[in-house]
């Protein structure tokens, strides 16, 4: 064997692994074109071994926290509100809380549908807060996420739902220990007299 073949044989495994620098890889590729059949066959054998390396280790389950970290990172990218393929998305953790209709009330606007005159809001109320009385111009739907909320004498808990029909009035809605709920309601609801 010549010195040129020896160095090719020594570099073939490194080339197959992708461990040579770009310059070294180009030089190797130029030299391998004029190499003998044994050197080329050895390179193909090294490539086959490299291709099989991924299957040599026993499969490992990723740590449970990895799934959450990957999805958290995906969710952290892009705008807080966006549309895609006819779907509307709002990333609640990136939306700001704003002062609501009274003391102790904060709201986070998720969506406004001006065509239908409706909005979807997350409402957060401090303990002991009373929601201002109002008349429903359209159906209102509330889903309680956490805490307690009393509407018309009915004490709701997390997971409870209330639907208020057109023309009904909420005049004694309050929370004892604080609450957070999602509400879909009309943009035209009116203060009750």
N, C-alpha and C. Protein backbone atom coordinates (compact mmCIF):
# COMPACT_ATOMS: atom_id res chain seq x y z
N UNK A 1 0.83 -1.19 0.00
CA UNK A 1 0.00 0.00 0.00
C UNK A 1 0.86 1.24 0.00
N UNK A 2 0.40 2.24 -0.66
CA UNK A 2 1.14 3.49 -0.70
C UNK A 2 0.77 4.34 0.51
N UNK A 3 1.57 5.38 0.73
CA UNK A 3 1.31 6.32 1.83
C UNK A 3 -0.03 7.00 1.64
N UNK A 4 -0.39 7.34 0.38
CA UNK A 4 -1.65 8.00 0.08
C UNK A 4 -2.81 7.11 0.51
N UNK A 5 -2.74 5.80 0.22
CA UNK A 5 -3.80 4.86 0.58
C UNK A 5 -3.89 4.72 2.09
N UNK A 6 -2.73 4.68 2.76
CA UNK A 6 -2.75 4.57 4.23
C UNK A 6 -3.47 5.76 4.85
N UNK A 7 -3.19 6.97 4.42
CA UNK A 7 -3.85 8.13 5.00
C UNK A 7 -5.33 8.15 4.66
N UNK A 8 -5.68 7.68 3.47
CA UNK A 8 -7.09 7.58 3.12
C UNK A 8 -7.79 6.59 4.05
N UNK A 9 -7.16 5.45 4.29
CA UNK A 9 -7.74 4.44 5.17
C UNK A 9 -7.91 4.97 6.60
N UNK A 10 -6.96 5.76 7.04
CA UNK A 10 -7.03 6.33 8.39
C UNK A 10 -8.14 7.39 8.47
N UNK A 11 -8.35 8.13 7.39
CA UNK A 11 -9.35 9.21 7.40
C UNK A 11 -10.76 8.73 7.05
N UNK A 12 -10.88 7.54 6.45
CA UNK A 12 -12.19 7.04 6.02
C UNK A 12 -13.20 6.96 7.18
N UNK A 13 -12.81 6.42 8.35
CA UNK A 13 -13.80 6.37 9.44
C UNK A 13 -14.20 7.77 9.91
N UNK A 14 -13.23 8.69 9.93
CA UNK A 14 -13.53 10.06 10.36
C UNK A 14 -14.45 10.74 9.35
N UNK A 15 -14.23 10.47 8.06
CA UNK A 15 -15.08 11.02 7.02
C UNK A 15 -16.51 10.48 7.17
N UNK A 16 -16.63 9.17 7.37
CA UNK A 16 -17.95 8.54 7.50
C UNK A 16 -18.71 9.10 8.70
N UNK A 17 -18.00 9.44 9.74
CA UNK A 17 -18.63 10.01 10.95
C UNK A 17 -18.96 11.49 10.80
N UNK A 18 -18.40 12.12 9.75
CA UNK A 18 -18.60 13.56 9.58
C UNK A 18 -17.72 14.37 10.50
N UNK A 19 -16.59 13.78 10.91
CA UNK A 19 -15.70 14.43 11.87
C UNK A 19 -14.59 15.26 11.23
N UNK A 20 -14.45 15.19 9.93
CA UNK A 20 -13.41 15.99 9.27
C UNK A 20 -13.92 17.41 9.07
N UNK A 21 -13.00 18.35 9.07
CA UNK A 21 -13.39 19.73 8.77
C UNK A 21 -13.84 19.79 7.31
N UNK A 22 -14.49 20.87 6.92
CA UNK A 22 -14.96 21.00 5.54
C UNK A 22 -13.80 20.90 4.55
N UNK A 23 -12.68 21.52 4.89
CA UNK A 23 -11.51 21.48 4.01
C UNK A 23 -10.94 20.07 3.92
N UNK A 24 -10.85 19.38 5.07
CA UNK A 24 -10.34 18.00 5.08
C UNK A 24 -11.28 17.07 4.32
N UNK A 25 -12.58 17.28 4.45
CA UNK A 25 -13.55 16.44 3.75
C UNK A 25 -13.44 16.61 2.24
N UNK A 26 -13.28 17.86 1.79
CA UNK A 26 -13.12 18.10 0.35
C UNK A 26 -11.85 17.42 -0.18
N UNK A 27 -10.75 17.52 0.58
CA UNK A 27 -9.50 16.88 0.16
C UNK A 27 -9.68 15.36 0.12
N UNK A 28 -10.36 14.81 1.12
CA UNK A 28 -10.59 13.36 1.15
C UNK A 28 -11.41 12.93 -0.07
N UNK A 29 -12.48 13.67 -0.38
CA UNK A 29 -13.34 13.33 -1.52
C UNK A 29 -12.56 13.37 -2.83
N UNK A 30 -11.65 14.34 -2.96
CA UNK A 30 -10.84 14.43 -4.17
C UNK A 30 -9.90 13.22 -4.28
N UNK A 31 -9.33 12.80 -3.14
CA UNK A 31 -8.38 11.68 -3.15
C UNK A 31 -9.08 10.34 -3.32
N UNK A 32 -10.27 10.19 -2.77
CA UNK A 32 -10.94 8.88 -2.80
C UNK A 32 -11.34 8.49 -4.22
N UNK A 33 -11.50 9.50 -5.11
CA UNK A 33 -11.86 9.21 -6.50
C UNK A 33 -10.80 8.37 -7.21
N UNK A 34 -9.53 8.53 -6.79
CA UNK A 34 -8.46 7.77 -7.43
C UNK A 34 -7.95 6.62 -6.55
N UNK A 35 -8.70 6.30 -5.49
CA UNK A 35 -8.26 5.23 -4.58
C UNK A 35 -8.59 3.87 -5.16
N UNK A 36 -7.94 2.85 -4.57
CA UNK A 36 -8.20 1.49 -5.05
C UNK A 36 -9.55 0.98 -4.52
N UNK A 37 -9.99 -0.14 -5.05
CA UNK A 37 -11.30 -0.71 -4.73
C UNK A 37 -11.41 -1.08 -3.25
N UNK A 38 -10.31 -1.51 -2.65
CA UNK A 38 -10.34 -1.91 -1.23
C UNK A 38 -10.62 -0.71 -0.33
N UNK A 39 -10.04 0.44 -0.63
CA UNK A 39 -10.26 1.65 0.17
C UNK A 39 -11.70 2.12 0.03
N UNK A 40 -12.21 2.09 -1.21
CA UNK A 40 -13.60 2.51 -1.43
C UNK A 40 -14.57 1.56 -0.71
N UNK A 41 -14.28 0.26 -0.73
CA UNK A 41 -15.13 -0.72 -0.05
C UNK A 41 -15.09 -0.49 1.46
N UNK A 42 -13.89 -0.16 1.98
CA UNK A 42 -13.78 0.11 3.43
C UNK A 42 -14.60 1.33 3.81
N UNK A 43 -14.58 2.37 2.95
CA UNK A 43 -15.38 3.57 3.22
C UNK A 43 -16.87 3.21 3.27
N UNK A 44 -17.33 2.38 2.34
CA UNK A 44 -18.74 1.98 2.35
C UNK A 44 -19.09 1.19 3.61
N UNK A 45 -18.15 0.36 4.07
CA UNK A 45 -18.37 -0.38 5.32
C UNK A 45 -18.49 0.58 6.51
N UNK A 46 -17.61 1.58 6.55
CA UNK A 46 -17.68 2.57 7.63
C UNK A 46 -19.01 3.32 7.60
N UNK A 47 -19.46 3.69 6.40
CA UNK A 47 -20.75 4.39 6.28
C UNK A 47 -21.90 3.53 6.79
N UNK A 48 -21.86 2.25 6.50
CA UNK A 48 -22.91 1.33 6.98
C UNK A 48 -22.91 1.25 8.50
N UNK A 49 -21.72 1.20 9.09
CA UNK A 49 -21.62 1.15 10.55
C UNK A 49 -22.16 2.44 11.17
N UNK A 50 -21.79 3.58 10.59
CA UNK A 50 -22.28 4.87 11.09
C UNK A 50 -23.80 4.93 11.01
N UNK A 51 -24.36 4.43 9.90
CA UNK A 51 -25.82 4.45 9.74
C UNK A 51 -26.50 3.59 10.80
N UNK A 52 -25.84 2.53 11.23
CA UNK A 52 -26.42 1.62 12.23
C UNK A 52 -26.17 2.07 13.67
N UNK A 53 -25.29 3.06 13.88
CA UNK A 53 -24.97 3.48 15.24
C UNK A 53 -26.20 3.93 16.03
N UNK A 54 -27.11 4.61 15.38
CA UNK A 54 -28.30 5.11 16.08
C UNK A 54 -29.14 3.97 16.63
N UNK A 55 -29.06 2.80 16.00
CA UNK A 55 -29.87 1.67 16.45
C UNK A 55 -29.12 0.77 17.44
N UNK A 56 -27.86 1.08 17.72
CA UNK A 56 -27.05 0.25 18.61
C UNK A 56 -27.41 0.43 20.07
N UNK A 57 -27.87 1.59 20.44
CA UNK A 57 -28.21 1.86 21.85
C UNK A 57 -29.65 1.43 22.12
N UNK A 58 -29.90 1.04 23.33
CA UNK A 58 -31.26 0.68 23.73
C UNK A 58 -32.12 1.95 23.73
N UNK A 59 -33.37 1.83 23.29
CA UNK A 59 -34.24 3.01 23.30
C UNK A 59 -34.39 3.57 24.72
N UNK A 60 -34.39 4.86 24.82
CA UNK A 60 -34.51 5.54 26.11
C UNK A 60 -35.75 6.44 26.09
N UNK A 61 -36.54 6.36 27.12
CA UNK A 61 -37.68 7.26 27.23
C UNK A 61 -37.17 8.62 27.70
N UNK A 62 -37.64 9.70 27.07
CA UNK A 62 -37.21 11.03 27.52
C UNK A 62 -37.78 11.31 28.90
N UNK A 63 -37.13 12.17 29.66
CA UNK A 63 -37.66 12.51 30.98
C UNK A 63 -39.05 13.14 30.85
N UNK A 64 -39.94 12.91 31.81
CA UNK A 64 -41.31 13.43 31.72
C UNK A 64 -41.36 14.95 31.52
N UNK A 65 -40.41 15.67 32.07
CA UNK A 65 -40.43 17.13 31.95
C UNK A 65 -40.08 17.63 30.55
N UNK A 66 -39.47 16.77 29.72
CA UNK A 66 -39.05 17.20 28.39
C UNK A 66 -40.24 17.58 27.52
N UNK A 67 -41.28 16.78 27.56
CA UNK A 67 -42.48 17.07 26.76
C UNK A 67 -43.02 18.46 27.10
N UNK A 68 -43.15 18.75 28.37
CA UNK A 68 -43.66 20.06 28.80
C UNK A 68 -42.72 21.18 28.37
N UNK A 69 -41.41 20.97 28.51
CA UNK A 69 -40.45 22.01 28.13
C UNK A 69 -40.50 22.31 26.64
N UNK A 70 -40.62 21.25 25.82
CA UNK A 70 -40.68 21.45 24.37
C UNK A 70 -41.93 22.23 24.01
N UNK A 71 -43.09 21.84 24.57
CA UNK A 71 -44.32 22.54 24.23
C UNK A 71 -44.36 23.95 24.80
N UNK A 72 -43.75 24.17 25.96
CA UNK A 72 -43.66 25.53 26.50
C UNK A 72 -42.84 26.41 25.57
N UNK A 73 -41.76 25.86 25.05
CA UNK A 73 -40.90 26.64 24.16
C UNK A 73 -41.62 26.96 22.85
N UNK A 74 -42.36 25.99 22.32
CA UNK A 74 -43.13 26.24 21.10
C UNK A 74 -44.15 27.32 21.36
N UNK A 75 -44.83 27.25 22.50
CA UNK A 75 -45.86 28.23 22.84
C UNK A 75 -45.32 29.61 23.09
N UNK A 76 -44.06 29.72 23.44
CA UNK A 76 -43.46 31.02 23.76
C UNK A 76 -43.10 31.80 22.50
N UNK A 77 -43.17 31.16 21.36
CA UNK A 77 -42.78 31.83 20.12
C UNK A 77 -44.00 32.47 19.46
N UNK A 78 -43.79 33.56 18.77
CA UNK A 78 -44.84 34.19 18.00
C UNK A 78 -45.65 35.20 18.82
N UNK A 79 -46.65 35.80 18.16
CA UNK A 79 -47.45 36.84 18.81
C UNK A 79 -48.43 36.27 19.84
N UNK A 80 -48.97 37.13 20.69
CA UNK A 80 -49.92 36.70 21.72
C UNK A 80 -51.26 36.30 21.11
N UNK A 81 -51.66 36.98 20.04
CA UNK A 81 -52.93 36.70 19.36
C UNK A 81 -52.64 36.54 17.87
N UNK A 82 -53.15 35.45 17.28
CA UNK A 82 -52.93 35.24 15.85
C UNK A 82 -53.98 34.30 15.29
N UNK A 83 -54.10 34.31 13.98
CA UNK A 83 -55.01 33.41 13.28
C UNK A 83 -54.21 32.52 12.34
N UNK A 84 -54.69 31.28 12.20
CA UNK A 84 -54.02 30.35 11.30
C UNK A 84 -55.07 29.37 10.77
N UNK A 85 -55.19 29.30 9.46
CA UNK A 85 -56.06 28.33 8.80
C UNK A 85 -57.49 28.40 9.34
N UNK A 86 -58.00 29.62 9.52
CA UNK A 86 -59.36 29.80 9.99
C UNK A 86 -59.54 29.63 11.49
N UNK A 87 -58.45 29.48 12.22
CA UNK A 87 -58.49 29.32 13.68
C UNK A 87 -57.91 30.56 14.33
N UNK A 88 -58.49 30.96 15.45
CA UNK A 88 -58.04 32.13 16.21
C UNK A 88 -57.40 31.63 17.50
N UNK A 89 -56.21 32.11 17.80
CA UNK A 89 -55.49 31.70 19.00
C UNK A 89 -55.15 32.92 19.85
N UNK A 90 -55.27 32.78 21.16
CA UNK A 90 -54.83 33.81 22.11
C UNK A 90 -54.01 33.13 23.18
N UNK A 91 -52.78 33.56 23.33
CA UNK A 91 -51.90 33.00 24.36
C UNK A 91 -52.10 33.81 25.63
N UNK A 92 -52.93 33.27 26.50
CA UNK A 92 -53.36 33.98 27.70
C UNK A 92 -52.24 34.46 28.60
N UNK A 93 -51.15 33.70 28.66
CA UNK A 93 -50.05 34.10 29.54
C UNK A 93 -49.34 35.34 29.04
N UNK A 94 -49.59 35.73 27.78
CA UNK A 94 -48.95 36.93 27.23
C UNK A 94 -49.91 38.10 27.08
N UNK A 95 -51.17 37.91 27.51
CA UNK A 95 -52.14 39.00 27.47
C UNK A 95 -52.13 39.71 28.82
N UNK A 96 -52.30 41.01 28.80
CA UNK A 96 -52.27 41.80 30.03
C UNK A 96 -53.64 41.83 30.70
N UNK A 97 -53.61 41.94 32.03
CA UNK A 97 -54.82 42.17 32.80
C UNK A 97 -55.11 43.67 32.79
N UNK A 98 -56.41 44.02 32.68
CA UNK A 98 -56.85 45.40 32.69
C UNK A 98 -57.92 45.59 33.75
N UNK A 99 -58.09 46.82 34.20
CA UNK A 99 -59.11 47.14 35.19
C UNK A 99 -60.48 46.81 34.61
N UNK A 100 -61.31 46.14 35.40
CA UNK A 100 -62.65 45.74 34.96
C UNK A 100 -63.68 46.80 35.29
N UNK A 101 -64.95 46.36 35.42
CA UNK A 101 -66.07 47.27 35.62
C UNK A 101 -66.21 47.82 37.02
N UNK A 102 -65.33 47.46 37.91
CA UNK A 102 -65.40 47.99 39.27
C UNK A 102 -64.18 47.61 40.07
N UNK A 103 -64.10 48.10 41.32
CA UNK A 103 -62.96 47.78 42.17
C UNK A 103 -62.85 46.27 42.42
N UNK A 104 -61.63 45.77 42.38
CA UNK A 104 -61.38 44.35 42.63
C UNK A 104 -61.63 43.46 41.43
N UNK A 105 -61.91 44.05 40.28
CA UNK A 105 -62.20 43.26 39.08
C UNK A 105 -61.14 43.56 38.01
N UNK A 106 -60.54 42.50 37.49
CA UNK A 106 -59.58 42.61 36.39
C UNK A 106 -60.06 41.73 35.25
N UNK A 107 -59.77 42.15 34.04
CA UNK A 107 -60.19 41.38 32.87
C UNK A 107 -59.03 41.19 31.91
N UNK A 108 -59.10 40.08 31.19
CA UNK A 108 -58.14 39.78 30.14
C UNK A 108 -58.97 39.46 28.91
N UNK A 109 -58.92 40.34 27.91
CA UNK A 109 -59.72 40.19 26.71
C UNK A 109 -59.11 39.11 25.82
N UNK A 110 -59.88 38.04 25.57
CA UNK A 110 -59.41 36.96 24.71
C UNK A 110 -59.80 37.20 23.25
N UNK A 111 -61.04 37.64 23.03
CA UNK A 111 -61.50 37.83 21.65
C UNK A 111 -62.69 38.77 21.61
N UNK A 112 -62.80 39.50 20.50
CA UNK A 112 -63.95 40.35 20.23
C UNK A 112 -64.48 39.98 18.85
N UNK A 113 -65.78 39.73 18.78
CA UNK A 113 -66.43 39.44 17.51
C UNK A 113 -67.38 40.59 17.22
N UNK A 114 -66.89 41.61 16.53
CA UNK A 114 -67.70 42.81 16.27
C UNK A 114 -68.88 42.50 15.35
N UNK A 115 -68.72 41.53 14.47
CA UNK A 115 -69.81 41.16 13.56
C UNK A 115 -71.02 40.63 14.33
N UNK A 116 -70.77 39.83 15.35
CA UNK A 116 -71.86 39.27 16.16
C UNK A 116 -72.12 40.09 17.42
N UNK A 117 -71.25 41.08 17.69
CA UNK A 117 -71.42 41.92 18.87
C UNK A 117 -71.14 41.18 20.17
N UNK A 118 -70.11 40.31 20.16
CA UNK A 118 -69.80 39.50 21.34
C UNK A 118 -68.32 39.59 21.69
N UNK A 119 -68.04 39.24 22.92
CA UNK A 119 -66.64 39.19 23.37
C UNK A 119 -66.47 38.03 24.34
N UNK A 120 -65.24 37.55 24.42
CA UNK A 120 -64.87 36.51 25.37
C UNK A 120 -63.76 37.07 26.23
N UNK A 121 -63.97 36.98 27.55
CA UNK A 121 -63.08 37.62 28.51
C UNK A 121 -62.80 36.66 29.67
N UNK A 122 -61.60 36.74 30.21
CA UNK A 122 -61.31 36.09 31.49
C UNK A 122 -61.46 37.18 32.54
N UNK A 123 -62.24 36.89 33.57
CA UNK A 123 -62.48 37.85 34.66
C UNK A 123 -61.86 37.28 35.93
N UNK A 124 -61.13 38.14 36.64
CA UNK A 124 -60.53 37.77 37.92
C UNK A 124 -61.05 38.75 38.97
N UNK A 125 -61.64 38.21 40.04
CA UNK A 125 -62.22 39.07 41.08
C UNK A 125 -61.56 38.78 42.42
N UNK A 126 -61.24 39.85 43.14
CA UNK A 126 -60.63 39.74 44.47
C UNK A 126 -61.68 39.27 45.48
N UNK A 127 -61.26 38.67 46.60
CA UNK A 127 -62.22 38.23 47.61
C UNK A 127 -63.15 39.38 48.04
N UNK A 128 -64.43 39.03 48.20
CA UNK A 128 -65.43 39.99 48.66
C UNK A 128 -65.93 40.96 47.60
N UNK A 129 -65.53 40.81 46.36
CA UNK A 129 -65.92 41.74 45.30
C UNK A 129 -67.34 41.47 44.81
N UNK A 130 -68.08 42.55 44.57
CA UNK A 130 -69.42 42.47 43.99
C UNK A 130 -69.33 42.97 42.55
N UNK A 131 -69.88 42.18 41.61
CA UNK A 131 -69.87 42.59 40.20
C UNK A 131 -71.03 43.55 39.98
N UNK A 132 -70.81 44.66 39.29
CA UNK A 132 -71.88 45.64 39.08
C UNK A 132 -73.10 45.01 38.37
N UNK A 133 -74.28 45.40 38.81
CA UNK A 133 -75.51 44.89 38.22
C UNK A 133 -75.57 45.27 36.74
N UNK A 134 -76.08 44.33 35.91
CA UNK A 134 -76.17 44.58 34.48
C UNK A 134 -77.28 43.74 33.86
N UNK A 135 -77.84 44.24 32.76
CA UNK A 135 -78.90 43.56 32.00
C UNK A 135 -78.28 42.96 30.74
N UNK A 136 -78.68 41.72 30.43
CA UNK A 136 -78.13 41.01 29.27
C UNK A 136 -78.91 41.32 28.00
N UNK A 137 -78.24 41.90 27.04
CA UNK A 137 -78.81 42.20 25.73
C UNK A 137 -78.81 40.94 24.85
N UNK A 138 -77.90 40.02 25.16
CA UNK A 138 -77.79 38.75 24.46
C UNK A 138 -77.42 37.70 25.50
N UNK A 139 -77.34 36.46 25.10
CA UNK A 139 -76.99 35.37 26.02
C UNK A 139 -75.60 35.62 26.60
N UNK A 140 -75.46 35.35 27.90
CA UNK A 140 -74.16 35.40 28.57
C UNK A 140 -73.86 34.01 29.09
N UNK A 141 -72.62 33.56 28.88
CA UNK A 141 -72.20 32.26 29.37
C UNK A 141 -70.96 32.43 30.24
N UNK A 142 -71.02 31.83 31.43
CA UNK A 142 -69.91 31.91 32.38
C UNK A 142 -69.46 30.50 32.73
N UNK A 143 -68.14 30.28 32.71
CA UNK A 143 -67.57 29.03 33.17
C UNK A 143 -66.55 29.38 34.25
N UNK A 144 -66.79 28.90 35.46
CA UNK A 144 -65.94 29.24 36.61
C UNK A 144 -64.70 28.35 36.62
N UNK A 145 -63.53 28.98 36.54
CA UNK A 145 -62.25 28.26 36.52
C UNK A 145 -61.74 27.94 37.92
N UNK A 146 -61.86 28.93 38.83
CA UNK A 146 -61.39 28.71 40.20
C UNK A 146 -62.12 29.64 41.15
N UNK A 147 -62.16 29.23 42.40
CA UNK A 147 -62.79 30.05 43.43
C UNK A 147 -64.29 29.79 43.52
N UNK A 148 -65.00 30.81 44.03
CA UNK A 148 -66.45 30.72 44.16
C UNK A 148 -67.07 31.98 43.58
N UNK A 149 -68.31 31.85 43.10
CA UNK A 149 -69.01 32.99 42.51
C UNK A 149 -70.50 32.76 42.73
N UNK A 150 -71.16 33.72 43.32
CA UNK A 150 -72.59 33.60 43.58
C UNK A 150 -73.36 34.45 42.59
N UNK A 151 -74.31 33.81 41.89
CA UNK A 151 -75.18 34.49 40.94
C UNK A 151 -76.62 34.13 41.30
N UNK A 152 -77.46 35.14 41.53
CA UNK A 152 -78.88 34.93 41.83
C UNK A 152 -79.08 33.95 42.97
N UNK A 153 -78.22 34.01 43.97
CA UNK A 153 -78.35 33.15 45.15
C UNK A 153 -77.79 31.75 44.99
N UNK A 154 -77.22 31.43 43.82
CA UNK A 154 -76.64 30.11 43.59
C UNK A 154 -75.12 30.23 43.70
N UNK A 155 -74.54 29.49 44.64
CA UNK A 155 -73.09 29.52 44.83
C UNK A 155 -72.44 28.55 43.86
N UNK A 156 -71.63 29.08 42.96
CA UNK A 156 -70.91 28.27 41.98
C UNK A 156 -69.50 27.99 42.47
N UNK A 157 -68.97 26.84 42.04
CA UNK A 157 -67.59 26.44 42.36
C UNK A 157 -66.87 26.12 41.05
N UNK A 158 -65.56 25.97 41.13
CA UNK A 158 -64.75 25.67 39.94
C UNK A 158 -65.38 24.53 39.15
N UNK A 159 -65.52 24.75 37.84
CA UNK A 159 -66.11 23.75 36.97
C UNK A 159 -67.59 23.98 36.70
N UNK A 160 -68.22 24.89 37.43
CA UNK A 160 -69.65 25.17 37.23
C UNK A 160 -69.84 26.15 36.08
N UNK A 161 -71.05 26.09 35.51
CA UNK A 161 -71.40 26.87 34.32
C UNK A 161 -72.73 27.56 34.56
N UNK A 162 -72.88 28.77 34.05
CA UNK A 162 -74.14 29.51 34.12
C UNK A 162 -74.42 30.15 32.77
N UNK A 163 -75.66 30.02 32.33
CA UNK A 163 -76.10 30.67 31.08
C UNK A 163 -77.21 31.63 31.46
N UNK A 164 -77.06 32.89 31.09
CA UNK A 164 -78.07 33.92 31.35
C UNK A 164 -78.73 34.28 30.03
N UNK A 165 -80.05 34.19 29.99
CA UNK A 165 -80.79 34.46 28.76
C UNK A 165 -80.95 35.96 28.52
N UNK A 166 -81.35 36.32 27.33
CA UNK A 166 -81.57 37.71 26.93
C UNK A 166 -82.60 38.33 27.88
N UNK A 167 -82.30 39.54 28.36
CA UNK A 167 -83.21 40.28 29.22
C UNK A 167 -83.04 40.02 30.70
N UNK A 168 -82.29 38.99 31.07
CA UNK A 168 -82.09 38.72 32.50
C UNK A 168 -81.14 39.76 33.09
N UNK A 169 -81.21 39.88 34.41
CA UNK A 169 -80.38 40.86 35.12
C UNK A 169 -79.55 40.15 36.17
N UNK A 170 -78.27 40.47 36.21
CA UNK A 170 -77.41 40.04 37.31
C UNK A 170 -77.29 41.25 38.23
N UNK A 171 -77.99 41.18 39.38
CA UNK A 171 -77.93 42.34 40.28
C UNK A 171 -77.32 42.01 41.62
N UNK A 172 -76.94 40.75 41.84
CA UNK A 172 -76.30 40.39 43.11
C UNK A 172 -75.26 39.29 42.84
N UNK A 173 -74.28 39.58 42.01
CA UNK A 173 -73.22 38.63 41.69
C UNK A 173 -71.99 39.01 42.48
N UNK A 174 -71.46 38.03 43.22
CA UNK A 174 -70.33 38.32 44.11
C UNK A 174 -69.47 37.09 44.33
N UNK A 175 -68.27 37.33 44.82
CA UNK A 175 -67.39 36.24 45.22
C UNK A 175 -67.03 36.40 46.68
N UNK A 176 -66.95 35.29 47.38
CA UNK A 176 -66.57 35.32 48.79
C UNK A 176 -65.05 35.26 48.93
N UNK A 177 -64.44 34.26 48.31
CA UNK A 177 -62.99 34.06 48.47
C UNK A 177 -62.17 34.47 47.25
N UNK A 178 -62.83 35.02 46.23
CA UNK A 178 -62.14 35.39 44.99
C UNK A 178 -62.41 34.34 43.94
N UNK A 179 -62.32 34.72 42.68
CA UNK A 179 -62.60 33.76 41.62
C UNK A 179 -61.99 34.21 40.29
N UNK A 180 -61.96 33.27 39.38
CA UNK A 180 -61.56 33.53 37.99
C UNK A 180 -62.54 32.76 37.11
N UNK A 181 -63.09 33.44 36.11
CA UNK A 181 -64.01 32.76 35.20
C UNK A 181 -63.86 33.30 33.78
N UNK A 182 -64.34 32.50 32.83
CA UNK A 182 -64.41 32.91 31.43
C UNK A 182 -65.85 33.27 31.16
N UNK A 183 -66.06 34.39 30.50
CA UNK A 183 -67.41 34.82 30.14
C UNK A 183 -67.45 35.20 28.68
N UNK A 184 -68.49 34.75 28.01
CA UNK A 184 -68.79 35.17 26.64
C UNK A 184 -70.11 35.92 26.72
N UNK A 185 -70.09 37.16 26.28
CA UNK A 185 -71.25 38.02 26.47
C UNK A 185 -71.36 39.05 25.36
N UNK A 186 -72.43 39.80 25.40
CA UNK A 186 -72.67 40.85 24.39
C UNK A 186 -71.81 42.07 24.68
N UNK A 187 -71.42 42.74 23.61
CA UNK A 187 -70.72 44.01 23.75
C UNK A 187 -71.66 45.11 24.21
N UNK A 188 -72.98 44.85 24.13
CA UNK A 188 -73.99 45.86 24.43
C UNK A 188 -74.66 45.71 25.78
N UNK A 189 -74.18 44.79 26.64
CA UNK A 189 -74.82 44.66 27.96
C UNK A 189 -74.91 46.02 28.62
N UNK A 190 -76.01 46.23 29.36
CA UNK A 190 -76.29 47.55 29.92
C UNK A 190 -76.27 47.52 31.44
N UNK A 191 -75.82 48.60 32.05
CA UNK A 191 -75.91 48.66 33.51
C UNK A 191 -77.38 48.59 33.92
N UNK A 192 -77.67 47.85 35.01
CA UNK A 192 -79.05 47.74 35.49
C UNK A 192 -79.38 49.00 36.29
N UNK A 193 -80.60 49.48 36.14
CA UNK A 193 -81.02 50.70 36.82
C UNK A 193 -81.28 50.46 38.29
